[in-house]
Amino acid sequence: MSILNTFAPAYGSGQTVAPIGTSASVTLGQGSCSLCITSLNTVQCYVRIGTSGVVATTADYPVPTTGQVTISKSQDFDTIAFVTSIGTGSLHIMAGEGF
């Protein structure tokens, strides 16, 4: 039997970002193994997690419009890059543990 933990947010770690048509990124800090990413509008956004210098493209992980995803990451990854296919988006990103 497998146990799946619900998402336990790292309160105070949340950031709201405004993706545009070119990749941008923010530092998350190391340690957490999951990210909860919430789209705050109807613009399709894409994300890629890595280390300093990571770049997102529209071939990366899609965050559904007005949706929410929780994705796992390496504890060593400290940066998330984000981009939209068109227009300006808005994402809320929070580190934590579990799904």
PDB file of N, CA and C in Angstrom:
ATOM      1  N   MET A   1       0.836  -1.170   0.000  1.00  0.00           N
ATOM      2  CA  MET A   1       0.000   0.000   0.000  1.00  0.00           C
ATOM      3  C   MET A   1       0.889   1.242   0.000  1.00  0.00           C
ATOM      4  N   SER A   2       0.605   2.137  -0.886  1.00  0.00           N
ATOM      5  CA  SER A   2       1.352   3.377  -1.006  1.00  0.00           C
ATOM      6  C   SER A   2       0.601   4.513  -0.321  1.00  0.00           C
ATOM      7  N   ILE A   3       1.330   5.343   0.399  1.00  0.00           N
ATOM      8  CA  ILE A   3       0.713   6.482   1.071  1.00  0.00           C
ATOM      9  C   ILE A   3       1.092   7.739   0.314  1.00  0.00           C
ATOM     10  N   LEU A   4       0.099   8.524  -0.056  1.00  0.00           N
ATOM     11  CA  LEU A   4       0.324   9.773  -0.766  1.00  0.00           C
ATOM     12  C   LEU A   4      -0.012  10.924   0.172  1.00  0.00           C
ATOM     13  N   ASN A   5       0.993  11.725   0.475  1.00  0.00           N
ATOM     14  CA  ASN A   5       0.774  12.854   1.372  1.00  0.00           C
ATOM     15  C   ASN A   5       0.166  14.020   0.618  1.00  0.00           C
ATOM     16  N   THR A   6      -0.806  14.691   1.230  1.00  0.00           N
ATOM     17  CA  THR A   6      -1.351  15.895   0.622  1.00  0.00           C
ATOM     18  C   THR A   6      -0.299  16.990   0.691  1.00  0.00           C
ATOM     19  N   PHE A   7      -0.485  18.029  -0.094  1.00  0.00           N
ATOM     20  CA  PHE A   7       0.492  19.108  -0.162  1.00  0.00           C
ATOM     21  C   PHE A   7       0.538  19.859   1.162  1.00  0.00           C
ATOM     22  N   ALA A   8       1.734  19.985   1.717  1.00  0.00           N
ATOM     23  CA  ALA A   8       1.970  20.753   2.943  1.00  0.00           C
ATOM     24  C   ALA A   8       2.757  21.990   2.552  1.00  0.00           C
ATOM     25  N   PRO A   9       2.101  23.154   2.450  1.00  0.00           N
ATOM     26  CA  PRO A   9       2.790  24.355   1.981  1.00  0.00           C
ATOM     27  C   PRO A   9       3.834  24.861   2.962  1.00  0.00           C
ATOM     28  N   ALA A  10       4.873  25.454   2.407  1.00  0.00           N
ATOM     29  CA  ALA A  10       5.874  26.162   3.203  1.00  0.00           C
ATOM     30  C   ALA A  10       5.361  27.604   3.295  1.00  0.00           C
ATOM     31  N   TYR A  11       4.518  27.850   4.284  1.00  0.00           N
ATOM     32  CA  TYR A  11       3.887  29.160   4.412  1.00  0.00           C
ATOM     33  C   TYR A  11       4.929  30.275   4.407  1.00  0.00           C
ATOM     34  N   GLY A  12       4.596  31.355   3.736  1.00  0.00           N
ATOM     35  CA  GLY A  12       5.513  32.480   3.613  1.00  0.00           C
ATOM     36  C   GLY A  12       6.429  32.382   2.402  1.00  0.00           C
ATOM     37  N   SER A  13       6.386  31.248   1.675  1.00  0.00           N
ATOM     38  CA  SER A  13       7.262  31.066   0.521  1.00  0.00           C
ATOM     39  C   SER A  13       6.585  31.451  -0.793  1.00  0.00           C
ATOM     40  N   GLY A  14       5.300  31.783  -0.767  1.00  0.00           N
ATOM     41  CA  GLY A  14       4.559  32.068  -1.991  1.00  0.00           C
ATOM     42  C   GLY A  14       5.032  33.320  -2.708  1.00  0.00           C
ATOM     43  N   GLN A  15       5.031  33.219  -4.039  1.00  0.00           N
ATOM     44  CA  GLN A  15       5.390  34.352  -4.893  1.00  0.00           C
ATOM     45  C   GLN A  15       4.387  34.421  -6.035  1.00  0.00           C
ATOM     46  N   THR A  16       3.963  35.622  -6.384  1.00  0.00           N
ATOM     47  CA  THR A  16       3.133  35.813  -7.566  1.00  0.00           C
ATOM     48  C   THR A  16       4.001  36.455  -8.635  1.00  0.00           C
ATOM     49  N   VAL A  17       4.003  35.837  -9.825  1.00  0.00           N
ATOM     50  CA  VAL A  17       4.836  36.311 -10.926  1.00  0.00           C
ATOM     51  C   VAL A  17       3.954  36.599 -12.140  1.00  0.00           C
ATOM     52  N   ALA A  18       4.468  37.387 -13.074  1.00  0.00           N
ATOM     53  CA  ALA A  18       3.730  37.773 -14.276  1.00  0.00           C
ATOM     54  C   ALA A  18       4.483  37.330 -15.526  1.00  0.00           C
ATOM     55  N   PRO A  19       4.269  36.072 -15.957  1.00  0.00           N
ATOM     56  CA  PRO A  19       4.939  35.599 -17.163  1.00  0.00           C
ATOM     57  C   PRO A  19       4.529  36.419 -18.390  1.00  0.00           C
ATOM     58  N   ILE A  20       5.478  36.562 -19.329  1.00  0.00           N
ATOM     59  CA  ILE A  20       5.214  37.205 -20.614  1.00  0.00           C
ATOM     60  C   ILE A  20       5.720  36.279 -21.712  1.00  0.00           C
ATOM     61  N   GLY A  21       5.808  36.764 -22.918  1.00  0.00           N
ATOM     62  CA  GLY A  21       6.206  35.945 -24.060  1.00  0.00           C
ATOM     63  C   GLY A  21       7.670  35.570 -24.119  1.00  0.00           C
ATOM     64  N   THR A  22       8.491  36.092 -23.207  1.00  0.00           N
ATOM     65  CA  THR A  22       9.888  35.681 -23.108  1.00  0.00           C
ATOM     66  C   THR A  22      10.129  35.119 -21.714  1.00  0.00           C
ATOM     67  N   SER A  23      11.014  34.152 -21.615  1.00  0.00           N
ATOM     68  CA  SER A  23      11.259  33.474 -20.345  1.00  0.00           C
ATOM     69  C   SER A  23      11.809  34.426 -19.282  1.00  0.00           C
ATOM     70  N   ALA A  24      11.297  34.280 -18.088  1.00  0.00           N
ATOM     71  CA  ALA A  24      11.807  34.979 -16.901  1.00  0.00           C
ATOM     72  C   ALA A  24      11.875  33.941 -15.790  1.00  0.00           C
ATOM     73  N   SER A  25      12.513  34.274 -14.677  1.00  0.00           N
ATOM     74  CA  SER A  25      12.630  33.304 -13.598  1.00  0.00           C
ATOM     75  C   SER A  25      12.697  33.993 -12.247  1.00  0.00           C
ATOM     76  N   VAL A  26      12.428  33.216 -11.194  1.00  0.00           N
ATOM     77  CA  VAL A  26      12.593  33.668  -9.817  1.00  0.00           C
ATOM     78  C   VAL A  26      13.273  32.556  -9.036  1.00  0.00           C
ATOM     79  N   THR A  27      13.965  32.951  -7.979  1.00  0.00           N
ATOM     80  CA  THR A  27      14.625  31.991  -7.101  1.00  0.00           C
ATOM     81  C   THR A  27      13.625  31.501  -6.063  1.00  0.00           C
ATOM     82  N   LEU A  28      13.608  30.187  -5.852  1.00  0.00           N
ATOM     83  CA  LEU A  28      12.699  29.559  -4.903  1.00  0.00           C
ATOM     84  C   LEU A  28      13.401  29.206  -3.602  1.00  0.00           C
ATOM     85  N   GLY A  29      14.667  28.950  -3.669  1.00  0.00           N
ATOM     86  CA  GLY A  29      15.382  28.406  -2.529  1.00  0.00           C
ATOM     87  C   GLY A  29      15.411  26.895  -2.625  1.00  0.00           C
ATOM     88  N   GLN A  30      16.385  26.294  -2.008  1.00  0.00           N
ATOM     89  CA  GLN A  30      16.524  24.847  -2.040  1.00  0.00           C
ATOM     90  C   GLN A  30      15.785  24.217  -0.872  1.00  0.00           C
ATOM     91  N   GLY A  31      15.582  22.914  -0.960  1.00  0.00           N
ATOM     92  CA  GLY A  31      15.039  22.167   0.166  1.00  0.00           C
ATOM     93  C   GLY A  31      13.690  21.536  -0.082  1.00  0.00           C
ATOM     94  N   SER A  32      12.712  22.271  -0.540  1.00  0.00           N
ATOM     95  CA  SER A  32      11.382  21.700  -0.766  1.00  0.00           C
ATOM     96  C   SER A  32      11.404  20.770  -1.969  1.00  0.00           C
ATOM     97  N   CYS A  33      10.573  19.738  -1.925  1.00  0.00           N
ATOM     98  CA  CYS A  33      10.531  18.760  -3.014  1.00  0.00           C
ATOM     99  C   CYS A  33       9.311  18.919  -3.908  1.00  0.00           C
ATOM    100  N   SER A  34       8.424  19.864  -3.609  1.00  0.00           N
ATOM    101  CA  SER A  34       7.226  20.070  -4.414  1.00  0.00           C
ATOM    102  C   SER A  34       6.944  21.556  -4.581  1.00  0.00           C
ATOM    103  N   LEU A  35       6.244  21.868  -5.671  1.00  0.00           N
ATOM    104  CA  LEU A  35       5.753  23.217  -5.910  1.00  0.00           C
ATOM    105  C   LEU A  35       4.283  23.137  -6.271  1.00  0.00           C
ATOM    106  N   CYS A  36       3.495  24.008  -5.705  1.00  0.00           N
ATOM    107  CA  CYS A  36       2.095  24.156  -6.082  1.00  0.00           C
ATOM    108  C   CYS A  36       2.020  25.441  -6.909  1.00  0.00           C
ATOM    109  N   ILE A  37       1.573  25.313  -8.158  1.00  0.00           N
ATOM    110  CA  ILE A  37       1.542  26.444  -9.084  1.00  0.00           C
ATOM    111  C   ILE A  37       0.096  26.685  -9.488  1.00  0.00           C
ATOM    112  N   THR A  38      -0.383  27.891  -9.255  1.00  0.00           N
ATOM    113  CA  THR A  38      -1.766  28.252  -9.546  1.00  0.00           C
ATOM    114  C   THR A  38      -1.793  29.331 -10.614  1.00  0.00           C
ATOM    115  N   SER A  39      -2.552  29.085 -11.687  1.00  0.00           N
ATOM    116  CA  SER A  39      -2.752  30.096 -12.722  1.00  0.00           C
ATOM    117  C   SER A  39      -3.882  31.009 -12.254  1.00  0.00           C
ATOM    118  N   LEU A  40      -3.618  32.302 -12.248  1.00  0.00           N
ATOM    119  CA  LEU A  40      -4.600  33.263 -11.739  1.00  0.00           C
ATOM    120  C   LEU A  40      -5.395  33.938 -12.852  1.00  0.00           C
ATOM    121  N   ASN A  41      -5.237  33.481 -14.105  1.00  0.00           N
ATOM    122  CA  ASN A  41      -6.018  34.056 -15.203  1.00  0.00           C
ATOM    123  C   ASN A  41      -6.138  33.064 -16.348  1.00  0.00           C
ATOM    124  N   THR A  42      -6.571  33.522 -17.501  1.00  0.00           N
ATOM    125  CA  THR A  42      -6.859  32.626 -18.625  1.00  0.00           C
ATOM    126  C   THR A  42      -5.770  32.579 -19.686  1.00  0.00           C
ATOM    127  N   VAL A  43      -4.541  32.948 -19.347  1.00  0.00           N
ATOM    128  CA  VAL A  43      -3.421  32.860 -20.287  1.00  0.00           C
ATOM    129  C   VAL A  43      -2.639  31.583 -19.996  1.00  0.00           C
ATOM    130  N   GLN A  44      -2.381  30.795 -21.030  1.00  0.00           N
ATOM    131  CA  GLN A  44      -1.614  29.559 -20.876  1.00  0.00           C
ATOM    132  C   GLN A  44      -0.167  29.882 -20.520  1.00  0.00           C
ATOM    133  N   CYS A  45       0.338  29.278 -19.434  1.00  0.00           N
ATOM    134  CA  CYS A  45       1.726  29.481 -19.000  1.00  0.00           C
ATOM    135  C   CYS A  45       2.456  28.146 -18.997  1.00  0.00           C
ATOM    136  N   TYR A  46       3.779  28.206 -19.108  1.00  0.00           N
ATOM    137  CA  TYR A  46       4.635  27.027 -19.104  1.00  0.00           C
ATOM    138  C   TYR A  46       5.765  27.265 -18.120  1.00  0.00           C
ATOM    139  N   VAL A  47       6.195  26.197 -17.431  1.00  0.00           N
ATOM    140  CA  VAL A  47       7.245  26.336 -16.431  1.00  0.00           C
ATOM    141  C   VAL A  47       8.319  25.264 -16.605  1.00  0.00           C
ATOM    142  N   ARG A  48       9.518  25.601 -16.134  1.00  0.00           N
ATOM    143  CA  ARG A  48      10.638  24.655 -16.065  1.00  0.00           C
ATOM    144  C   ARG A  48      11.392  24.956 -14.782  1.00  0.00           C
ATOM    145  N   ILE A  49      11.732  23.915 -14.045  1.00  0.00           N
ATOM    146  CA  ILE A  49      12.443  24.061 -12.781  1.00  0.00           C
ATOM    147  C   ILE A  49      13.881  23.605 -12.975  1.00  0.00           C
ATOM    148  N   GLY A  50      14.810  24.329 -12.366  1.00  0.00           N
ATOM    149  CA  GLY A  50      16.216  23.961 -12.475  1.00  0.00           C
ATOM    150  C   GLY A  50      17.066  24.807 -11.554  1.00  0.00           C
ATOM    151  N   THR A  51      18.254  25.101 -12.014  1.00  0.00           N
ATOM    152  CA  THR A  51      19.170  25.944 -11.252  1.00  0.00           C
ATOM    153  C   THR A  51      19.313  27.280 -11.977  1.00  0.00           C
ATOM    154  N   SER A  52      20.077  28.167 -11.407  1.00  0.00           N
ATOM    155  CA  SER A  52      20.278  29.502 -11.980  1.00  0.00           C
ATOM    156  C   SER A  52      20.524  29.412 -13.484  1.00  0.00           C
ATOM    157  N   GLY A  53      19.853  30.260 -14.250  1.00  0.00           N
ATOM    158  CA  GLY A  53      20.021  30.272 -15.699  1.00  0.00           C
ATOM    159  C   GLY A  53      19.008  29.431 -16.453  1.00  0.00           C
ATOM    160  N   VAL A  54      18.114  28.720 -15.747  1.00  0.00           N
ATOM    161  CA  VAL A  54      17.108  27.891 -16.407  1.00  0.00           C
ATOM    162  C   VAL A  54      16.182  28.786 -17.245  1.00  0.00           C
ATOM    163  N   VAL A  55      15.769  28.274 -18.411  1.00  0.00           N
ATOM    164  CA  VAL A  55      14.919  29.019 -19.337  1.00  0.00           C
ATOM    165  C   VAL A  55      13.704  28.162 -19.679  1.00  0.00           C
ATOM    166  N   ALA A  56      12.523  28.756 -19.648  1.00  0.00           N
ATOM    167  CA  ALA A  56      11.286  28.052 -19.998  1.00  0.00           C
ATOM    168  C   ALA A  56      10.913  28.335 -21.448  1.00  0.00           C
ATOM    169  N   THR A  57      10.300  27.339 -22.091  1.00  0.00           N
ATOM    170  CA  THR A  57       9.757  27.491 -23.444  1.00  0.00           C
ATOM    171  C   THR A  57       8.337  26.926 -23.454  1.00  0.00           C
ATOM    172  N   THR A  58       7.638  27.105 -24.554  1.00  0.00           N
ATOM    173  CA  THR A  58       6.280  26.559 -24.664  1.00  0.00           C
ATOM    174  C   THR A  58       6.284  25.043 -24.855  1.00  0.00           C
ATOM    175  N   ALA A  59       7.462  24.429 -24.872  1.00  0.00           N
ATOM    176  CA  ALA A  59       7.571  22.970 -24.914  1.00  0.00           C
ATOM    177  C   ALA A  59       7.699  22.378 -23.514  1.00  0.00           C
ATOM    178  N   ASP A  60       7.681  23.236 -22.480  1.00  0.00           N
ATOM    179  CA  ASP A  60       7.842  22.776 -21.101  1.00  0.00           C
ATOM    180  C   ASP A  60       6.490  22.489 -20.446  1.00  0.00           C
ATOM    181  N   TYR A  61       6.493  22.321 -19.133  1.00  0.00           N
ATOM    182  CA  TYR A  61       5.308  21.879 -18.396  1.00  0.00           C
ATOM    183  C   TYR A  61       4.201  22.945 -18.437  1.00  0.00           C
ATOM    184  N   PRO A  62       3.019  22.606 -18.983  1.00  0.00           N
ATOM    185  CA  PRO A  62       1.936  23.579 -19.048  1.00  0.00           C
ATOM    186  C   PRO A  62       1.176  23.679 -17.723  1.00  0.00           C
ATOM    187  N   VAL A  63       0.835  24.886 -17.358  1.00  0.00           N
ATOM    188  CA  VAL A  63      -0.029  25.124 -16.206  1.00  0.00           C
ATOM    189  C   VAL A  63      -1.390  25.510 -16.783  1.00  0.00           C
ATOM    190  N   PRO A  64      -2.429  24.718 -16.539  1.00  0.00           N
ATOM    191  CA  PRO A  64      -3.731  24.991 -17.158  1.00  0.00           C
ATOM    192  C   PRO A  64      -4.266  26.377 -16.783  1.00  0.00           C
ATOM    193  N   THR A  65      -4.939  27.008 -17.728  1.00  0.00           N
ATOM    194  CA  THR A  65      -5.536  28.307 -17.458  1.00  0.00           C
ATOM    195  C   THR A  65      -6.503  28.202 -16.291  1.00  0.00           C
ATOM    196  N   THR A  66      -6.446  29.131 -15.400  1.00  0.00           N
ATOM    197  CA  THR A  66      -7.226  29.181 -14.151  1.00  0.00           C
ATOM    198  C   THR A  66      -7.204  27.842 -13.407  1.00  0.00           C
ATOM    199  N   GLY A  67      -6.095  27.103 -13.548  1.00  0.00           N
ATOM    200  CA  GLY A  67      -5.957  25.807 -12.901  1.00  0.00           C
ATOM    201  C   GLY A  67      -4.807  25.786 -11.914  1.00  0.00           C
ATOM    202  N   GLN A  68      -4.583  24.606 -11.357  1.00  0.00           N
ATOM    203  CA  GLN A  68      -3.533  24.441 -10.361  1.00  0.00           C
ATOM    204  C   GLN A  68      -2.866  23.093 -10.563  1.00  0.00           C
ATOM    205  N   VAL A  69      -1.539  23.074 -10.446  1.00  0.00           N
ATOM    206  CA  VAL A  69      -0.777  21.829 -10.519  1.00  0.00           C
ATOM    207  C   VAL A  69       0.196  21.782  -9.352  1.00  0.00           C
ATOM    208  N   THR A  70       0.504  20.577  -8.928  1.00  0.00           N
ATOM    209  CA  THR A  70       1.561  20.367  -7.945  1.00  0.00           C
ATOM    210  C   THR A  70       2.570  19.451  -8.605  1.00  0.00           C
ATOM    211  N   ILE A  71       3.815  19.907  -8.671  1.00  0.00           N
ATOM    212  CA  ILE A  71       4.856  19.118  -9.320  1.00  0.00           C
ATOM    213  C   ILE A  71       6.014  18.919  -8.350  1.00  0.00           C
ATOM    214  N   SER A  72       6.679  17.780  -8.505  1.00  0.00           N
ATOM    215  CA  SER A  72       7.827  17.513  -7.650  1.00  0.00           C
ATOM    216  C   SER A  72       9.084  18.074  -8.298  1.00  0.00           C
ATOM    217  N   LYS A  73      10.101  18.304  -7.473  1.00  0.00           N
ATOM    218  CA  LYS A  73      11.360  18.849  -7.963  1.00  0.00           C
ATOM    219  C   LYS A  73      12.495  18.306  -7.114  1.00  0.00           C
ATOM    220  N   SER A  74      13.688  18.376  -7.654  1.00  0.00           N
ATOM    221  CA  SER A  74      14.882  18.012  -6.903  1.00  0.00           C
ATOM    222  C   SER A  74      15.094  19.048  -5.794  1.00  0.00           C
ATOM    223  N   GLN A  75      15.543  18.603  -4.638  1.00  0.00           N
ATOM    224  CA  GLN A  75      15.839  19.536  -3.552  1.00  0.00           C
ATOM    225  C   GLN A  75      16.921  20.532  -3.945  1.00  0.00           C
ATOM    226  N   ASP A  76      17.758  20.159  -4.902  1.00  0.00           N
ATOM    227  CA  ASP A  76      18.851  21.030  -5.337  1.00  0.00           C
ATOM    228  C   ASP A  76      18.401  22.118  -6.309  1.00  0.00           C
ATOM    229  N   PHE A  77      17.243  21.939  -6.932  1.00  0.00           N
ATOM    230  CA  PHE A  77      16.748  22.956  -7.862  1.00  0.00           C
ATOM    231  C   PHE A  77      16.222  24.137  -7.070  1.00  0.00           C
ATOM    232  N   ASP A  78      16.674  25.336  -7.447  1.00  0.00           N
ATOM    233  CA  ASP A  78      16.313  26.521  -6.674  1.00  0.00           C
ATOM    234  C   ASP A  78      15.669  27.638  -7.494  1.00  0.00           C
ATOM    235  N   THR A  79      15.381  27.362  -8.775  1.00  0.00           N
ATOM    236  CA  THR A  79      14.865  28.396  -9.661  1.00  0.00           C
ATOM    237  C   THR A  79      13.722  27.834 -10.509  1.00  0.00           C
ATOM    238  N   ILE A  80      12.701  28.661 -10.748  1.00  0.00           N
ATOM    239  CA  ILE A  80      11.636  28.298 -11.675  1.00  0.00           C
ATOM    240  C   ILE A  80      11.577  29.367 -12.757  1.00  0.00           C
ATOM    241  N   ALA A  81      11.556  28.898 -14.012  1.00  0.00           N
ATOM    242  CA  ALA A  81      11.409  29.793 -15.160  1.00  0.00           C
ATOM    243  C   ALA A  81       9.981  29.649 -15.676  1.00  0.00           C
ATOM    244  N   PHE A  82       9.451  30.710 -16.268  1.00  0.00           N
ATOM    245  CA  PHE A  82       8.066  30.712 -16.736  1.00  0.00           C
ATOM    246  C   PHE A  82       7.943  31.576 -17.982  1.00  0.00           C
ATOM    247  N   VAL A  83       6.959  31.227 -18.818  1.00  0.00           N
ATOM    248  CA  VAL A  83       6.735  31.936 -20.073  1.00  0.00           C
ATOM    249  C   VAL A  83       5.280  31.716 -20.484  1.00  0.00           C
ATOM    250  N   THR A  84       4.744  32.600 -21.310  1.00  0.00           N
ATOM    251  CA  THR A  84       3.413  32.399 -21.897  1.00  0.00           C
ATOM    252  C   THR A  84       3.571  32.233 -23.402  1.00  0.00           C
ATOM    253  N   SER A  85       2.548  31.675 -24.029  1.00  0.00           N
ATOM    254  CA  SER A  85       2.571  31.563 -25.482  1.00  0.00           C
ATOM    255  C   SER A  85       2.116  32.871 -26.123  1.00  0.00           C
ATOM    256  N   ILE A  86       1.324  33.652 -25.396  1.00  0.00           N
ATOM    257  CA  ILE A  86       0.829  34.937 -25.886  1.00  0.00           C
ATOM    258  C   ILE A  86       0.326  35.756 -24.698  1.00  0.00           C
ATOM    259  N   GLY A  87       0.541  37.031 -24.719  1.00  0.00           N
ATOM    260  CA  GLY A  87       0.014  37.904 -23.667  1.00  0.00           C
ATOM    261  C   GLY A  87       0.777  37.810 -22.363  1.00  0.00           C
ATOM    262  N   THR A  88       0.153  38.337 -21.318  1.00  0.00           N
ATOM    263  CA  THR A  88       0.731  38.355 -19.983  1.00  0.00           C
ATOM    264  C   THR A  88      -0.099  37.480 -19.064  1.00  0.00           C
ATOM    265  N   GLY A  89       0.548  36.619 -18.325  1.00  0.00           N
ATOM    266  CA  GLY A  89      -0.143  35.742 -17.399  1.00  0.00           C
ATOM    267  C   GLY A  89       0.106  36.151 -15.964  1.00  0.00           C
ATOM    268  N   SER A  90      -0.362  35.319 -15.062  1.00  0.00           N
ATOM    269  CA  SER A  90      -0.139  35.527 -13.633  1.00  0.00           C
ATOM    270  C   SER A  90      -0.148  34.165 -12.956  1.00  0.00           C
ATOM    271  N   LEU A  91       0.931  33.853 -12.269  1.00  0.00           N
ATOM    272  CA  LEU A  91       1.059  32.578 -11.562  1.00  0.00           C
ATOM    273  C   LEU A  91       1.392  32.828 -10.106  1.00  0.00           C
ATOM    274  N   HIS A  92       0.813  32.008  -9.229  1.00  0.00           N
ATOM    275  CA  HIS A  92       1.222  31.991  -7.835  1.00  0.00           C
ATOM    276  C   HIS A  92       1.986  30.697  -7.623  1.00  0.00           C
ATOM    277  N   ILE A  93       3.179  30.790  -7.034  1.00  0.00           N
ATOM    278  CA  ILE A  93       4.060  29.636  -6.864  1.00  0.00           C
ATOM    279  C   ILE A  93       4.373  29.490  -5.379  1.00  0.00           C
ATOM    280  N   MET A  94       4.129  28.283  -4.836  1.00  0.00           N
ATOM    281  CA  MET A  94       4.419  28.031  -3.423  1.00  0.00           C
ATOM    282  C   MET A  94       5.153  26.715  -3.269  1.00  0.00           C
ATOM    283  N   ALA A  95       6.255  26.751  -2.546  1.00  0.00           N
ATOM    284  CA  ALA A  95       7.025  25.545  -2.244  1.00  0.00           C
ATOM    285  C   ALA A  95       6.346  24.770  -1.128  1.00  0.00           C
ATOM    286  N   GLY A  96       6.681  23.498  -1.019  1.00  0.00           N
ATOM    287  CA  GLY A  96       6.138  22.655   0.042  1.00  0.00           C
ATOM    288  C   GLY A  96       6.554  21.219  -0.141  1.00  0.00           C
ATOM    289  N   GLU A  97       5.811  20.327   0.468  1.00  0.00           N
ATOM    290  CA  GLU A  97       6.073  18.879   0.390  1.00  0.00           C
ATOM    291  C   GLU A  97       4.775  18.145   0.096  1.00  0.00           C
ATOM    292  N   GLY A  98       4.877  17.036  -0.637  1.00  0.00           N
ATOM    293  CA  GLY A  98       3.710  16.198  -0.926  1.00  0.00           C
ATOM    294  C   GLY A  98       2.927  16.661  -2.129  1.00  0.00           C
ATOM    295  N   PHE A  99       1.784  15.992  -2.352  1.00  0.00           N
ATOM    296  CA  PHE A  99       0.897  16.315  -3.476  1.00  0.00           C
ATOM    297  C   PHE A  99      -0.432  16.629  -2.902  1.00  0.00           C
TER     298      PHE A  99
END
